[in-house]
Protein backbone atom coordinates (compact mmCIF):
# COMPACT_ATOMS: atom_id res chain seq x y z
CA MET A 1 16.84 -49.77 8.04
CA LEU A 2 14.98 -50.15 11.36
CA PRO A 3 11.35 -51.31 11.37
CA LYS A 4 8.63 -48.74 11.69
CA ILE A 5 5.29 -49.93 13.07
CA THR A 6 2.25 -47.83 12.19
CA LYS A 7 -0.42 -47.65 14.79
CA ALA A 8 -3.97 -46.42 14.48
CA LEU A 9 -3.46 -44.07 17.37
CA LEU A 10 -5.04 -42.72 19.35
CA VAL A 11 -8.34 -43.69 20.87
CA ALA A 12 -9.99 -41.18 23.19
CA ALA A 13 -12.49 -42.71 25.67
CA ILE A 14 -15.06 -40.19 26.92
CA ALA A 15 -17.13 -40.58 30.04
CA ALA A 16 -20.51 -38.85 30.45
CA THR A 17 -20.02 -37.27 33.85
CA SER A 18 -21.26 -34.43 35.96
CA MET A 19 -17.78 -33.84 37.36
CA MET A 20 -16.73 -31.48 34.63
CA ALA A 21 -16.30 -27.95 35.88
CA ALA A 22 -17.25 -25.09 33.58
CA ASP A 23 -13.71 -23.76 33.45
CA LYS A 24 -11.65 -27.05 33.48
CA ILE A 25 -11.60 -30.48 31.71
CA ASN A 26 -9.33 -33.22 33.01
CA GLY A 27 -7.82 -36.05 31.00
CA ALA A 28 -5.17 -38.67 31.35
CA GLY A 29 -3.45 -41.50 29.48
CA SER A 30 -1.05 -42.18 26.61
CA THR A 31 2.38 -40.66 26.85
CA PHE A 32 2.71 -40.98 23.07
CA VAL A 33 0.01 -38.52 22.36
CA ALA A 34 0.93 -36.08 25.13
CA PRO A 35 2.64 -33.50 22.80
CA CYS A 36 -0.54 -33.34 20.70
CA MET A 37 -2.68 -33.08 23.80
CA TYR A 38 -0.65 -30.23 25.25
CA ASP A 39 -0.78 -28.34 22.00
CA TRP A 40 -4.54 -28.87 21.65
CA ALA A 41 -5.10 -27.89 25.29
CA TYR A 42 -3.20 -24.67 24.83
CA ASN A 43 -5.13 -23.65 21.72
CA TYR A 44 -8.49 -24.76 23.21
CA GLN A 45 -7.92 -22.67 26.31
CA LYS A 46 -6.87 -19.68 24.19
CA ALA A 47 -10.10 -19.91 22.17
CA THR A 48 -12.54 -20.78 24.97
CA LYS A 49 -10.93 -19.78 28.24
CA ILE A 50 -11.56 -23.35 29.37
CA ARG A 51 -8.44 -25.15 30.74
CA VAL A 52 -7.68 -28.69 29.75
CA ASN A 53 -5.44 -30.56 32.18
CA TYR A 54 -3.89 -33.70 30.60
CA GLN A 55 -1.80 -36.10 32.68
CA SER A 56 0.71 -38.12 30.71
CA ILE A 57 0.52 -41.35 32.83
CA GLY A 58 0.25 -44.13 30.25
CA SER A 59 -2.68 -45.75 28.50
CA GLY A 60 -3.41 -48.19 31.31
CA GLY A 61 -3.59 -45.37 33.88
CA GLY A 62 -5.71 -43.20 31.67
CA ILE A 63 -8.29 -45.90 31.09
CA LYS A 64 -8.37 -46.67 34.83
CA GLN A 65 -8.93 -43.03 35.65
CA VAL A 66 -11.70 -42.42 33.15
CA THR A 67 -13.37 -45.69 34.07
CA GLU A 68 -13.36 -44.61 37.74
CA ARG A 69 -14.54 -41.11 36.67
CA VAL A 70 -11.48 -39.41 38.10
CA VAL A 71 -11.08 -37.65 34.74
CA GLN A 72 -13.48 -36.79 31.96
CA PHE A 73 -11.47 -38.47 29.15
CA GLY A 74 -8.74 -41.04 28.74
CA ALA A 75 -6.31 -41.61 25.91
CA THR A 76 -5.02 -45.06 24.96
CA ASP A 77 -2.95 -46.56 22.13
CA ALA A 78 -4.73 -49.90 22.59
CA PRO A 79 -8.49 -49.61 21.79
CA LEU A 80 -11.00 -50.92 24.26
CA THR A 81 -13.31 -53.79 23.22
CA PRO A 82 -17.09 -53.26 22.80
CA LYS A 83 -17.55 -55.23 26.02
CA GLU A 84 -15.17 -53.01 27.98
CA LEU A 85 -16.81 -49.90 26.56
CA ASP A 86 -20.29 -51.14 27.47
CA LYS A 87 -19.28 -52.13 30.99
CA ALA A 88 -17.64 -48.81 31.75
CA LYS A 89 -20.24 -46.75 29.77
CA LEU A 90 -17.62 -45.16 27.65
CA THR A 91 -17.44 -43.91 24.04
CA GLN A 92 -14.27 -44.06 22.01
CA PHE A 93 -12.98 -42.66 18.76
CA PRO A 94 -9.62 -42.33 16.95
CA VAL A 95 -7.91 -38.94 17.20
CA VAL A 96 -4.30 -39.42 16.05
CA LEU A 97 -2.32 -41.62 13.62
CA GLY A 98 1.27 -42.24 14.56
CA ALA A 99 4.17 -44.64 14.18
CA LEU A 100 6.34 -46.56 16.58
CA VAL A 101 10.01 -46.86 15.59
CA VAL A 102 12.77 -49.24 16.85
CA ALA A 103 15.78 -47.07 17.64
CA HIS A 104 19.38 -47.84 18.62
CA ASN A 105 22.28 -46.12 20.31
CA LEU A 106 25.34 -47.77 18.72
CA PRO A 107 28.30 -45.39 18.50
CA GLY A 108 29.76 -45.19 14.98
CA VAL A 109 26.75 -46.68 13.26
CA ALA A 110 24.18 -44.31 11.76
CA ASP A 111 20.50 -45.09 12.23
CA GLU A 112 19.79 -45.31 8.48
CA LYS A 113 22.71 -47.70 7.93
CA LEU A 114 21.85 -50.47 10.42
CA LYS A 115 19.41 -53.11 9.07
CA LEU A 116 17.34 -55.22 11.41
CA LYS A 117 14.75 -57.51 9.89
CA ASN A 118 11.54 -58.40 11.73
CA SER A 119 12.71 -61.77 12.96
CA VAL A 120 15.92 -60.29 14.36
CA VAL A 121 13.96 -57.52 16.26
CA ALA A 122 11.76 -60.24 17.78
CA ASP A 123 14.80 -62.37 18.76
CA ILE A 124 16.51 -59.32 20.38
CA PHE A 125 13.51 -58.52 22.52
CA ALA A 126 13.03 -62.21 23.31
CA GLY A 127 16.60 -62.33 24.64
CA LYS A 128 17.80 -64.80 21.97
CA ILE A 129 20.17 -62.34 20.29
CA THR A 130 22.25 -60.58 22.88
CA MET A 131 25.33 -59.21 21.08
CA TRP A 132 25.62 -56.55 18.29
CA ASN A 133 27.97 -58.72 16.33
CA ASP A 134 25.65 -61.72 16.29
CA ALA A 135 25.67 -63.52 12.94
CA ALA A 136 21.93 -62.89 12.42
CA ILE A 137 22.61 -59.08 12.55
CA ALA A 138 25.97 -59.22 10.67
CA VAL A 139 24.55 -61.08 7.65
CA ASP A 140 22.35 -58.09 6.68
CA ASN A 141 24.94 -55.44 7.52
CA ALA A 142 27.97 -56.19 5.35
CA GLY A 143 30.49 -53.40 5.51
CA ILE A 144 29.53 -52.23 8.99
CA LYS A 145 31.88 -52.99 11.82
CA LEU A 146 29.64 -54.36 14.51
CA PRO A 147 31.13 -54.31 18.02
CA ALA A 148 31.29 -57.33 20.29
CA GLN A 149 29.06 -55.39 22.65
CA LYS A 150 26.00 -56.54 24.64
CA ILE A 151 22.61 -55.31 23.45
CA ILE A 152 20.80 -53.56 26.26
CA VAL A 153 17.07 -53.50 25.49
CA ALA A 154 14.83 -50.68 26.79
CA HIS A 155 11.12 -51.26 27.24
CA ARG A 156 8.19 -49.83 29.14
CA SER A 157 7.74 -50.87 32.77
CA ASP A 158 4.20 -49.48 33.19
CA GLY A 159 0.90 -50.47 31.54
CA SER A 160 1.36 -49.02 28.08
CA GLY A 161 -0.51 -48.77 24.80
CA THR A 162 2.84 -48.44 23.11
CA THR A 163 3.76 -51.82 24.51
CA TYR A 164 0.50 -53.27 23.15
CA VAL A 165 1.23 -51.94 19.65
CA PHE A 166 4.85 -53.18 19.68
CA THR A 167 4.05 -56.64 21.08
CA ASP A 168 1.19 -56.93 18.56
CA TYR A 169 3.73 -56.24 15.79
CA LEU A 170 6.13 -58.82 17.32
CA SER A 171 3.34 -61.35 17.48
CA GLU A 172 2.58 -60.77 13.80
CA VAL A 173 6.20 -61.26 12.65
CA SER A 174 7.21 -64.07 15.00
CA LYS A 175 5.25 -67.22 15.84
CA THR A 176 7.73 -67.93 18.66
CA TRP A 177 7.14 -64.46 20.16
CA LYS A 178 3.34 -64.94 19.87
CA ALA A 179 3.40 -68.27 21.61
CA LYS A 180 5.76 -67.28 24.41
CA PHE A 181 4.93 -63.60 25.19
CA GLY A 182 1.87 -62.62 23.11
CA THR A 183 0.33 -59.15 22.95
CA GLY A 184 -0.47 -56.90 25.84
CA LYS A 185 -0.16 -53.53 27.48
CA ALA A 186 2.14 -55.13 30.10
CA ILE A 187 4.07 -58.40 29.57
CA GLY A 188 6.80 -60.34 31.23
CA TRP A 189 9.83 -59.15 29.28
CA ALA A 190 12.58 -61.63 28.79
CA THR A 191 15.42 -59.02 28.94
CA GLY A 192 16.18 -55.38 29.25
CA VAL A 193 15.71 -52.30 31.39
CA GLY A 194 12.18 -51.01 32.08
CA GLY A 195 11.35 -47.32 32.09
CA LYS A 196 8.13 -45.43 32.96
CA GLY A 197 6.53 -43.58 30.14
CA ASN A 198 7.93 -42.95 26.66
CA GLU A 199 10.32 -40.55 28.37
CA GLY A 200 11.77 -43.47 30.32
CA VAL A 201 12.85 -45.42 27.26
CA THR A 202 14.17 -42.65 24.97
């Protein structure tokens, strides 16, 4: 079974601004919440005739744009601190609860069959475990033929609330990860291929 990390998602940061046109509201941020935003925007426009334009550019970009008053609201998976809110004169509140799941693409092995414990996930993303048939993986997967194949890790390349949530989880389950990489919306990944947005890593 692959780990599932629940996140108290999503925080919406609202700016009091005079830029809002009567027929249009602009927002930007989290790619994770984009499907919800698009659905809400459609229904809101249908009910009010006011269009909501949401740009799925990542949590970091959304907070930057709402802080600079480019948009009226920003969406982020990583909540802002009271100090950040006060400085930018923003208000935030949770709007969505979701989960982050570690997935794999290993031919011949079903998702529900492969077991990866927390310490193994941390070591994979830290670049310590690099092969699918590593003993640390094999010990929990008796009966599964694991290939002598290199693990190619996918991670976000842009400032991301999803990265914040995932690295916060890794810091909780691995003291080594916490000391070396820590928690953040953007970190220096030890291995893997970076992709922009959630679309870039799925």
